[in-house]
Amino acid sequence: MKVSVIITLKKDVLDPQGKVIHQTLDGMGFDNINEVRQGKYFEIFTKENDKKKAQEKVEEMCKKLLANLVIENYKIIETQ
């Protein structure tokens, strides 16, 4: 089973990489962008067959390792 997760910085946390990407896009002529925030995307393939259990395990992974909960949020976006 595949579980997809997006991890992003919390709104109040500065995102220097996003700022550089925004400035670069602006310099390339994409000047109609207000803000860019970058994050991480994970596809986790698990042996679990139960969708709910798979999501619970991935949520535990996010809390323990994948996301820094002080400055990041995570969201499970898809389970197949």
Protein backbone atom coordinates (compact mmCIF):
# COMPACT_ATOMS: atom_id res chain seq x y z
CA MET A 1 0.00 0.00 0.00
CA LYS A 2 1.30 3.47 -0.87
CA VAL A 3 0.81 6.40 1.50
CA SER A 4 1.71 9.91 0.27
CA VAL A 5 2.66 12.67 2.71
CA ILE A 6 3.42 16.38 2.29
CA ILE A 7 5.45 18.20 4.93
CA THR A 8 5.54 22.00 4.91
CA LEU A 9 6.90 24.73 7.12
CA LYS A 10 4.38 26.35 9.43
CA LYS A 11 3.14 29.75 8.23
CA ASP A 12 5.06 31.72 10.88
CA VAL A 13 8.39 30.03 10.04
CA LEU A 14 10.67 31.86 7.60
CA ASP A 15 11.29 29.96 4.38
CA PRO A 16 14.59 31.20 2.89
CA GLN A 17 14.60 28.55 0.16
CA GLY A 18 11.08 29.50 -0.87
CA LYS A 19 12.12 33.16 -0.92
CA VAL A 20 15.08 32.43 -3.25
CA ILE A 21 12.82 30.39 -5.55
CA HIS A 22 10.31 33.25 -5.59
CA GLN A 23 13.01 35.81 -6.44
CA THR A 24 14.39 33.58 -9.19
CA LEU A 25 10.96 33.04 -10.72
CA ASP A 26 10.37 36.79 -10.59
CA GLY A 27 13.68 37.34 -12.39
CA MET A 28 12.59 34.86 -15.06
CA GLY A 29 9.48 36.92 -15.78
CA PHE A 30 7.01 35.08 -13.55
CA ASP A 31 6.14 38.28 -11.71
CA ASN A 32 2.55 37.48 -10.79
CA ILE A 33 3.49 35.23 -7.83
CA ASN A 34 2.83 36.44 -4.28
CA GLU A 35 4.82 33.84 -2.34
CA VAL A 36 6.57 30.47 -2.69
CA ARG A 37 6.81 27.99 0.19
CA GLN A 38 8.79 24.80 -0.27
CA GLY A 39 8.32 21.49 1.46
CA LYS A 40 8.95 17.75 1.31
CA TYR A 41 6.96 14.99 -0.36
CA PHE A 42 7.18 11.33 0.65
CA GLU A 43 5.74 8.19 -0.92
CA ILE A 44 5.88 5.41 1.65
CA PHE A 45 5.22 1.88 0.46
CA THR A 46 4.12 -0.32 3.33
CA LYS A 47 3.31 -4.01 3.64
CA GLU A 48 0.17 -3.11 5.62
CA ASN A 49 -3.06 -4.03 3.79
CA ASP A 50 -5.45 -2.15 6.05
CA LYS A 51 -5.76 1.48 4.89
CA LYS A 52 -6.48 2.89 8.35
CA LYS A 53 -3.57 1.03 9.96
CA ALA A 54 -1.22 2.13 7.17
CA GLN A 55 -2.20 5.77 7.71
CA GLU A 56 -1.76 5.42 11.48
CA LYS A 57 1.75 4.00 11.01
CA VAL A 58 2.73 6.78 8.61
CA GLU A 59 1.32 9.38 11.00
CA GLU A 60 3.52 7.89 13.73
CA MET A 61 6.53 8.08 11.36
CA CYS A 62 5.79 11.74 10.71
CA LYS A 63 5.57 12.54 14.41
CA LYS A 64 8.75 10.63 15.30
CA LEU A 65 11.06 11.33 12.35
CA LEU A 66 9.80 12.79 9.09
CA ALA A 67 8.45 16.12 10.38
CA ASN A 68 9.90 18.53 12.90
CA LEU A 69 6.63 19.34 14.65
CA VAL A 70 8.04 22.54 16.14
CA ILE A 71 8.36 24.18 12.72
CA GLU A 72 6.57 21.85 10.26
CA ASN A 73 3.10 20.54 9.53
CA TYR A 74 2.35 17.25 7.78
CA LYS A 75 -0.63 16.02 5.84
CA ILE A 76 -1.38 12.54 4.54
CA ILE A 77 -2.75 13.29 1.10
CA GLU A 78 -3.35 9.89 -0.44
CA THR A 79 -3.46 6.21 0.39
CA GLN A 80 -3.65 3.56 -2.31
